[in-house]
Amino acid sequence: MSSLNIKQTTPTSNIVSETMASSALTGKIEADVEIKASPGQFHEMFTHKPHHVHHTCYDKIQGCDLLEGEWGKVGTIISWRYVHDGKAKVSKQLVEAIDPSKNLITFREIEGDQLKEYKSFVATLQASPKNKGSGSIVHWTVEYEKLHHGIAHPETLLQFLVDASKDIDAYLTQPN
């Protein structure tokens, strides 16, 4: 069973209402999702095996290609092909940070469909052990700056990441 908790924040406050957040160009949204896989297993999929992610949720992610660098290294540039809101999209991302001790990885959008609406778009995932029992909590953080006020906050993209996380978890925890 998975649970989802989304909160929206701005640089000046921890939690803001939808009304206050809708007028800001910059923002930060976060979501937690419970999974059965270990933090290390989940982190490994995004650091060293992102090219395998499409096997876990092909309806969402069609592929991930290494463009520059090495899997699992900061500074690596990768390209994702995915479907969001029924449209095929691409994302070229820089792996900005990796912290294996915290099961954390940060991706910065450097080219692609997200930059048609956002001046900057950074997604961080961190997988942590659950306080009780087995499994993990995957915490997604999306920080962004919209190009103008007419652009929506990226809640549907955050939900996309949560849904993909659930699919990856199902793949990682399936019986062999």
Protein backbone atom coordinates (compact mmCIF):
# COMPACT_ATOMS: atom_id res chain seq x y z
CA MET A 1 0.00 0.00 0.00
CA SER A 2 1.39 3.39 -0.91
CA SER A 3 0.51 6.78 0.44
CA LEU A 4 1.06 10.21 -1.03
CA ASN A 5 1.58 13.50 0.71
CA ILE A 6 2.20 16.58 -1.46
CA LYS A 7 3.08 19.98 -0.09
CA GLN A 8 3.87 23.16 -1.94
CA THR A 9 6.41 25.63 -0.61
CA THR A 10 8.07 28.88 -1.59
CA PRO A 11 11.46 30.20 -0.51
CA THR A 12 9.84 32.42 2.15
CA SER A 13 7.56 29.92 3.87
CA ASN A 14 7.40 26.20 4.55
CA ILE A 15 3.85 25.53 3.43
CA VAL A 16 1.64 27.90 1.46
CA SER A 17 -1.88 27.67 0.17
CA GLU A 18 -2.66 27.10 -3.48
CA THR A 19 -3.80 30.70 -3.78
CA MET A 20 -0.55 32.19 -2.52
CA ALA A 21 1.57 29.76 -4.50
CA SER A 22 -0.27 30.38 -7.76
CA SER A 23 1.02 33.96 -7.93
CA ALA A 24 4.70 33.08 -7.46
CA LEU A 25 7.05 32.39 -10.38
CA THR A 26 9.39 30.29 -8.26
CA GLY A 27 8.33 27.39 -6.17
CA LYS A 28 9.11 24.10 -4.57
CA ILE A 29 6.76 21.14 -4.37
CA GLU A 30 7.40 17.88 -2.57
CA ALA A 31 5.86 14.45 -2.30
CA ASP A 32 6.51 11.34 -0.24
CA VAL A 33 5.61 7.87 -1.42
CA GLU A 34 5.95 4.64 0.55
CA ILE A 35 7.57 1.76 -1.29
CA LYS A 36 8.51 -1.81 -0.40
CA ALA A 37 12.01 -1.73 -1.97
CA SER A 38 15.04 -0.78 0.08
CA PRO A 39 16.42 2.76 -0.18
CA GLY A 40 19.57 1.41 -1.83
CA GLN A 41 17.66 -0.57 -4.47
CA PHE A 42 15.58 2.46 -5.44
CA HIS A 43 18.55 4.84 -5.47
CA GLU A 44 20.54 2.40 -7.63
CA MET A 45 17.87 2.52 -10.35
CA PHE A 46 18.34 6.27 -10.76
CA THR A 47 22.10 6.50 -10.26
CA HIS A 48 23.54 3.47 -12.02
CA LYS A 49 20.61 1.98 -13.95
CA PRO A 50 18.33 4.77 -15.21
CA HIS A 51 18.49 3.14 -18.64
CA HIS A 52 16.53 0.23 -17.07
CA VAL A 53 13.73 2.43 -15.72
CA HIS A 54 11.72 2.18 -18.95
CA HIS A 55 11.42 -1.58 -18.37
CA THR A 56 9.51 -0.83 -15.17
CA CYS A 57 7.04 1.78 -16.47
CA TYR A 58 7.08 1.84 -20.27
CA ASP A 59 3.70 3.58 -20.39
CA LYS A 60 5.40 6.57 -18.75
CA ILE A 61 9.11 6.37 -19.64
CA GLN A 62 10.21 5.06 -23.03
CA GLY A 63 13.95 5.33 -22.52
CA CYS A 64 16.97 6.93 -20.95
CA ASP A 65 20.24 7.45 -22.82
CA LEU A 66 23.69 8.33 -21.58
CA LEU A 67 24.86 11.38 -23.54
CA GLU A 68 27.99 12.35 -21.62
CA GLY A 69 29.90 10.97 -18.65
CA GLU A 70 29.31 7.74 -16.73
CA TRP A 71 26.27 6.27 -14.99
CA GLY A 72 26.43 7.06 -11.29
CA LYS A 73 28.70 10.12 -11.63
CA VAL A 74 28.00 13.79 -10.94
CA GLY A 75 28.27 15.81 -14.15
CA THR A 76 26.77 13.07 -16.29
CA ILE A 77 24.26 14.19 -18.91
CA ILE A 78 21.32 11.92 -19.71
CA SER A 79 18.29 12.14 -21.95
CA TRP A 80 14.85 10.83 -20.96
CA ARG A 81 12.01 10.03 -23.38
CA TYR A 82 8.65 9.96 -21.63
CA VAL A 83 4.91 10.55 -21.95
CA HIS A 84 3.33 13.19 -19.72
CA ASP A 85 -0.29 14.31 -19.97
CA GLY A 86 -0.65 12.15 -23.09
CA LYS A 87 2.20 13.84 -24.98
CA ALA A 88 5.61 12.42 -25.92
CA LYS A 89 8.35 14.55 -24.37
CA VAL A 90 12.11 14.66 -23.96
CA SER A 91 14.31 15.87 -21.15
CA LYS A 92 18.06 16.42 -21.19
CA GLN A 93 19.34 16.49 -17.62
CA LEU A 94 22.57 17.07 -15.77
CA VAL A 95 23.19 14.86 -12.76
CA GLU A 96 23.93 17.67 -10.34
CA ALA A 97 24.42 15.77 -7.07
CA ILE A 98 24.67 12.20 -5.82
CA ASP A 99 24.98 11.23 -2.17
CA PRO A 100 25.04 7.43 -1.78
CA SER A 101 25.04 7.68 2.03
CA LYS A 102 21.69 9.50 1.86
CA ASN A 103 20.38 7.66 -1.25
CA LEU A 104 19.98 11.07 -2.88
CA ILE A 105 20.28 12.21 -6.50
CA THR A 106 19.54 15.60 -8.08
CA PHE A 107 18.77 16.21 -11.75
CA ARG A 108 18.80 19.66 -13.40
CA GLU A 109 16.92 20.14 -16.66
CA ILE A 110 19.31 21.65 -19.21
CA GLU A 111 17.31 21.12 -22.41
CA GLY A 112 13.93 19.75 -23.39
CA ASP A 113 10.21 20.17 -23.04
CA GLN A 114 10.20 21.40 -19.42
CA LEU A 115 12.24 24.44 -20.41
CA LYS A 116 9.42 25.55 -22.71
CA GLU A 117 7.52 26.49 -19.54
CA TYR A 118 10.15 26.75 -16.82
CA LYS A 119 13.28 28.87 -16.67
CA SER A 120 14.75 26.30 -14.28
CA PHE A 121 13.61 22.85 -13.23
CA VAL A 122 15.43 20.71 -10.65
CA ALA A 123 14.20 17.36 -9.31
CA THR A 124 15.73 15.65 -6.28
CA LEU A 125 14.87 12.23 -4.97
CA GLN A 126 15.90 10.79 -1.66
CA ALA A 127 15.03 7.29 -0.48
CA SER A 128 15.08 6.71 3.28
CA PRO A 129 14.27 3.67 5.41
CA LYS A 130 10.80 3.70 6.93
CA ASN A 131 10.78 4.32 10.69
CA LYS A 132 8.92 1.07 11.34
CA GLY A 133 9.01 -2.08 9.26
CA SER A 134 10.68 -2.76 5.97
CA GLY A 135 10.57 -0.60 2.89
CA SER A 136 11.33 3.03 2.21
CA ILE A 137 9.95 6.50 1.88
CA VAL A 138 10.87 8.16 -1.41
CA HIS A 139 10.88 11.93 -1.07
CA TRP A 140 10.66 13.90 -4.31
CA THR A 141 11.42 17.62 -4.36
CA VAL A 142 10.85 19.73 -7.47
CA GLU A 143 12.21 23.29 -7.49
CA TYR A 144 11.31 25.46 -10.44
CA GLU A 145 10.96 28.92 -11.88
CA LYS A 146 8.11 29.48 -14.31
CA LEU A 147 8.67 31.59 -17.43
CA HIS A 148 5.51 33.61 -16.69
CA HIS A 149 2.43 33.64 -14.45
CA GLY A 150 0.32 31.79 -17.04
CA ILE A 151 2.29 28.58 -16.48
CA ALA A 152 0.86 26.07 -14.03
CA HIS A 153 2.82 24.77 -11.08
CA PRO A 154 4.19 21.32 -11.96
CA GLU A 155 1.92 19.22 -9.74
CA THR A 156 1.14 16.83 -12.61
CA LEU A 157 4.86 16.27 -13.12
CA LEU A 158 5.29 15.55 -9.44
CA GLN A 159 2.42 13.07 -9.63
CA PHE A 160 4.12 11.52 -12.68
CA LEU A 161 7.28 10.98 -10.57
CA VAL A 162 5.23 9.46 -7.75
CA ASP A 163 3.42 7.10 -10.14
CA ALA A 164 6.70 6.09 -11.81
CA SER A 165 8.16 5.44 -8.34
CA LYS A 166 5.32 3.02 -7.60
CA ASP A 167 5.93 1.19 -10.89
CA ILE A 168 9.66 0.96 -10.22
CA ASP A 169 8.93 -0.37 -6.74
CA ALA A 170 6.63 -3.07 -8.13
CA TYR A 171 9.41 -4.11 -10.52
CA LEU A 172 12.09 -4.14 -7.82
CA THR A 173 10.00 -6.18 -5.39
CA GLN A 174 8.46 -8.71 -7.78
CA PRO A 175 9.34 -12.35 -7.09
CA ASN A 176 12.12 -13.65 -9.32
